N, C-alpha and C. Protein backbone atom coordinates (compact mmCIF):
# COMPACT_ATOMS: atom_id res chain seq x y z
N MET A 1 126.65 125.61 80.98
CA MET A 1 127.22 124.44 81.60
C MET A 1 126.69 124.35 83.03
N PRO A 2 126.21 123.14 83.43
CA PRO A 2 125.68 122.99 84.79
C PRO A 2 126.75 123.26 85.83
N THR A 3 126.34 123.90 86.91
CA THR A 3 127.28 124.19 87.98
C THR A 3 127.31 123.07 89.01
N HIS A 4 126.32 122.18 88.93
CA HIS A 4 126.23 121.11 89.91
C HIS A 4 125.77 119.84 89.20
N ILE A 5 126.42 118.76 89.45
CA ILE A 5 126.03 117.48 88.87
C ILE A 5 125.28 116.69 89.94
N ALA A 6 124.11 116.18 89.56
CA ALA A 6 123.29 115.43 90.50
C ALA A 6 124.04 114.19 90.99
N ARG A 7 123.90 113.90 92.28
CA ARG A 7 124.57 112.75 92.87
C ARG A 7 123.78 111.46 92.71
N ASP A 8 122.45 111.58 92.63
CA ASP A 8 121.62 110.37 92.52
C ASP A 8 120.33 110.71 91.78
N LEU A 9 119.51 109.68 91.58
CA LEU A 9 118.28 109.85 90.82
C LEU A 9 117.31 110.81 91.50
N ASP A 10 117.21 110.74 92.81
CA ASP A 10 116.33 111.65 93.54
C ASP A 10 116.72 113.10 93.29
N GLU A 11 117.99 113.38 93.35
CA GLU A 11 118.46 114.74 93.12
C GLU A 11 118.22 115.17 91.67
N THR A 12 118.37 114.24 90.75
CA THR A 12 118.10 114.54 89.34
C THR A 12 116.63 114.96 89.16
N TYR A 13 115.71 114.15 89.71
CA TYR A 13 114.29 114.49 89.61
C TYR A 13 113.97 115.79 90.33
N GLU A 14 114.60 116.02 91.46
CA GLU A 14 114.36 117.27 92.19
C GLU A 14 114.74 118.47 91.33
N ARG A 15 115.89 118.39 90.65
CA ARG A 15 116.32 119.50 89.79
C ARG A 15 115.35 119.70 88.63
N ILE A 16 114.88 118.60 88.04
CA ILE A 16 113.93 118.70 86.93
C ILE A 16 112.63 119.33 87.41
N LEU A 17 112.10 118.82 88.52
CA LEU A 17 110.82 119.32 89.03
C LEU A 17 110.92 120.78 89.49
N CYS A 18 112.03 121.16 90.07
CA CYS A 18 112.21 122.56 90.49
C CYS A 18 112.36 123.50 89.30
N GLY A 19 112.73 122.95 88.15
CA GLY A 19 112.92 123.76 86.96
C GLY A 19 111.66 123.97 86.14
N ILE A 20 110.53 123.39 86.56
CA ILE A 20 109.28 123.55 85.82
C ILE A 20 108.77 124.97 86.02
N ASN A 21 108.33 125.59 84.92
CA ASN A 21 107.75 126.93 85.00
C ASN A 21 106.55 126.92 85.94
N GLU A 22 106.45 127.93 86.79
CA GLU A 22 105.39 127.98 87.78
C GLU A 22 104.01 127.86 87.16
N GLU A 23 103.79 128.45 86.00
CA GLU A 23 102.47 128.40 85.37
C GLU A 23 102.15 127.01 84.80
N ASP A 24 103.15 126.14 84.69
CA ASP A 24 102.94 124.79 84.14
C ASP A 24 102.84 123.71 85.22
N VAL A 25 103.07 124.05 86.47
CA VAL A 25 103.15 123.05 87.54
C VAL A 25 101.88 122.21 87.61
N GLU A 26 100.72 122.82 87.59
CA GLU A 26 99.46 122.07 87.70
C GLU A 26 99.27 121.16 86.49
N ASP A 27 99.60 121.64 85.30
CA ASP A 27 99.48 120.80 84.10
C ASP A 27 100.42 119.61 84.16
N VAL A 28 101.64 119.82 84.59
CA VAL A 28 102.61 118.73 84.70
C VAL A 28 102.12 117.73 85.74
N ARG A 29 101.59 118.20 86.85
CA ARG A 29 101.06 117.31 87.89
C ARG A 29 99.96 116.44 87.32
N ARG A 30 99.05 117.04 86.54
CA ARG A 30 97.94 116.27 85.97
C ARG A 30 98.45 115.23 84.98
N VAL A 31 99.40 115.59 84.13
CA VAL A 31 99.95 114.65 83.14
C VAL A 31 100.63 113.49 83.86
N LEU A 32 101.48 113.79 84.83
CA LEU A 32 102.19 112.73 85.54
C LEU A 32 101.25 111.85 86.36
N THR A 33 100.20 112.42 86.91
CA THR A 33 99.21 111.63 87.65
C THR A 33 98.53 110.63 86.73
N VAL A 34 98.11 111.10 85.57
CA VAL A 34 97.47 110.21 84.60
C VAL A 34 98.42 109.09 84.20
N LEU A 35 99.67 109.42 83.93
CA LEU A 35 100.64 108.40 83.53
C LEU A 35 100.92 107.41 84.65
N CYS A 36 100.99 107.89 85.88
CA CYS A 36 101.27 107.00 87.01
C CYS A 36 100.15 106.00 87.25
N PHE A 37 98.92 106.39 87.00
CA PHE A 37 97.80 105.52 87.30
C PHE A 37 97.24 104.80 86.08
N SER A 38 97.83 105.02 84.93
CA SER A 38 97.39 104.33 83.73
C SER A 38 97.78 102.86 83.81
N THR A 39 96.89 101.99 83.39
CA THR A 39 97.17 100.56 83.44
C THR A 39 97.85 100.07 82.16
N ARG A 40 98.03 100.97 81.22
CA ARG A 40 98.70 100.62 79.96
C ARG A 40 99.31 101.88 79.37
N PRO A 41 100.22 101.73 78.43
CA PRO A 41 100.76 102.93 77.77
C PRO A 41 99.64 103.68 77.04
N LEU A 42 99.69 104.99 77.10
CA LEU A 42 98.67 105.81 76.46
C LEU A 42 99.18 106.37 75.14
N ILE A 43 98.26 106.56 74.20
CA ILE A 43 98.64 107.30 73.00
C ILE A 43 98.49 108.78 73.33
N VAL A 44 99.12 109.62 72.52
CA VAL A 44 99.17 111.05 72.82
C VAL A 44 97.77 111.64 72.97
N ASN A 45 96.85 111.32 72.07
CA ASN A 45 95.50 111.89 72.16
C ASN A 45 94.79 111.47 73.44
N GLU A 46 95.03 110.25 73.92
CA GLU A 46 94.45 109.82 75.19
C GLU A 46 95.02 110.64 76.35
N LEU A 47 96.30 110.90 76.31
CA LEU A 47 96.93 111.69 77.36
C LEU A 47 96.41 113.13 77.34
N ILE A 48 96.23 113.68 76.16
CA ILE A 48 95.68 115.04 76.04
C ILE A 48 94.26 115.09 76.59
N ASP A 49 93.43 114.10 76.23
CA ASP A 49 92.05 114.07 76.75
C ASP A 49 92.04 113.88 78.26
N ALA A 50 92.89 112.99 78.76
CA ALA A 50 92.94 112.76 80.20
C ALA A 50 93.42 114.01 80.94
N HIS A 51 94.36 114.75 80.33
CA HIS A 51 94.85 115.99 80.93
C HIS A 51 93.73 117.01 81.06
N ALA A 52 92.75 116.95 80.17
CA ALA A 52 91.65 117.91 80.18
C ALA A 52 90.66 117.67 81.32
N VAL A 53 90.79 116.56 82.03
CA VAL A 53 89.91 116.28 83.16
C VAL A 53 90.57 116.80 84.43
N ASP A 54 89.90 117.73 85.08
CA ASP A 54 90.40 118.26 86.34
C ASP A 54 89.85 117.37 87.46
N LEU A 55 90.75 116.75 88.20
CA LEU A 55 90.35 115.81 89.24
C LEU A 55 90.20 116.46 90.61
N GLY A 56 89.76 117.70 90.61
CA GLY A 56 89.57 118.42 91.86
C GLY A 56 88.40 117.85 92.65
N VAL A 57 87.94 118.59 93.65
CA VAL A 57 86.85 118.14 94.51
C VAL A 57 85.61 117.82 93.68
N LEU A 58 85.30 118.66 92.71
CA LEU A 58 84.22 118.40 91.77
C LEU A 58 84.85 118.21 90.39
N PRO A 59 85.17 116.96 90.02
CA PRO A 59 85.83 116.73 88.72
C PRO A 59 85.01 117.31 87.56
N TYR A 60 85.71 117.88 86.59
CA TYR A 60 85.04 118.43 85.42
C TYR A 60 86.00 118.40 84.24
N LEU A 61 85.43 118.54 83.05
CA LEU A 61 86.22 118.58 81.82
C LEU A 61 86.65 120.00 81.55
N ASP A 62 87.94 120.25 81.58
CA ASP A 62 88.52 121.56 81.28
C ASP A 62 88.80 121.60 79.78
N ARG A 63 87.87 122.14 79.02
CA ARG A 63 87.99 122.11 77.56
C ARG A 63 89.26 122.79 77.06
N ASP A 64 89.79 123.75 77.80
CA ASP A 64 91.05 124.39 77.40
C ASP A 64 92.20 123.40 77.45
N GLY A 65 92.10 122.40 78.31
CA GLY A 65 93.14 121.37 78.41
C GLY A 65 93.26 120.55 77.14
N ARG A 66 92.21 120.52 76.34
CA ARG A 66 92.24 119.78 75.07
C ARG A 66 92.98 120.54 73.99
N LEU A 67 93.38 121.76 74.26
CA LEU A 67 94.10 122.55 73.28
C LEU A 67 95.56 122.15 73.18
N TYR A 68 95.99 121.30 74.08
CA TYR A 68 97.38 120.84 74.07
C TYR A 68 97.63 119.94 72.87
N GLU A 69 98.86 119.96 72.43
CA GLU A 69 99.31 119.05 71.38
C GLU A 69 100.55 118.34 71.89
N GLN A 70 101.04 117.39 71.11
CA GLN A 70 102.20 116.60 71.52
C GLN A 70 103.37 117.47 71.92
N ASP A 71 103.70 118.47 71.13
CA ASP A 71 104.84 119.34 71.45
C ASP A 71 104.63 120.11 72.75
N ASP A 72 103.37 120.47 73.05
CA ASP A 72 103.09 121.17 74.31
C ASP A 72 103.39 120.27 75.50
N LEU A 73 102.98 119.00 75.38
CA LEU A 73 103.26 118.05 76.48
C LEU A 73 104.76 117.89 76.69
N LEU A 74 105.49 117.79 75.58
CA LEU A 74 106.93 117.64 75.69
C LEU A 74 107.58 118.88 76.27
N ASP A 75 107.06 120.05 75.94
CA ASP A 75 107.62 121.30 76.46
C ASP A 75 107.43 121.42 77.97
N ILE A 76 106.22 121.15 78.46
CA ILE A 76 105.98 121.35 79.89
C ILE A 76 106.53 120.21 80.74
N CYS A 77 106.66 119.02 80.16
CA CYS A 77 107.16 117.86 80.91
C CYS A 77 108.58 117.52 80.47
N TYR A 78 109.34 118.51 80.10
CA TYR A 78 110.69 118.34 79.58
C TYR A 78 111.48 117.32 80.38
N THR A 79 111.96 116.30 79.73
CA THR A 79 112.75 115.18 80.24
C THR A 79 112.00 114.24 81.18
N LEU A 80 110.73 114.53 81.51
CA LEU A 80 109.98 113.65 82.39
C LEU A 80 109.17 112.61 81.62
N ILE A 81 108.85 112.89 80.36
CA ILE A 81 108.11 111.93 79.56
C ILE A 81 108.80 111.77 78.22
N GLU A 82 108.52 110.65 77.60
CA GLU A 82 109.04 110.38 76.27
C GLU A 82 107.89 109.86 75.43
N ILE A 83 107.78 110.34 74.21
CA ILE A 83 106.72 109.89 73.32
C ILE A 83 107.36 109.00 72.27
N ALA A 84 106.95 107.73 72.31
CA ALA A 84 107.48 106.74 71.38
C ALA A 84 106.62 106.72 70.12
N PRO A 85 107.20 106.34 68.99
CA PRO A 85 106.38 106.21 67.78
C PRO A 85 105.25 105.22 68.03
N GLU A 86 104.09 105.53 67.47
CA GLU A 86 102.92 104.67 67.66
C GLU A 86 103.12 103.35 66.92
N ASP A 87 102.77 102.28 67.58
CA ASP A 87 102.87 100.94 67.01
C ASP A 87 101.67 100.70 66.09
N ASP A 88 101.90 100.41 64.82
CA ASP A 88 100.82 100.21 63.86
C ASP A 88 100.01 98.96 64.14
N ASN A 89 100.53 98.04 64.93
CA ASN A 89 99.83 96.79 65.22
C ASN A 89 98.88 96.92 66.41
N ARG A 90 98.76 98.07 66.95
CA ARG A 90 97.97 98.29 68.16
C ARG A 90 96.50 98.26 67.88
């Protein structure tokens, strides 16, 4: 049972972000960056491919980043993202 109830949305996000496993912080940052700058909703495979691009000083394709699957994204971005069923008319 939570010992503290968030007072506002900022505090809610702060608690979520502070609860991310230290080894997942960079991956979560990359996923959220891609989602923030996307001009349209992404399908899961597009998000996985985009996550595999490291946007550091010398951008490169991190092939290990492609090893992620939908459940991995949901695990590391717990409550920060939602994956909707794919629209067949797309």
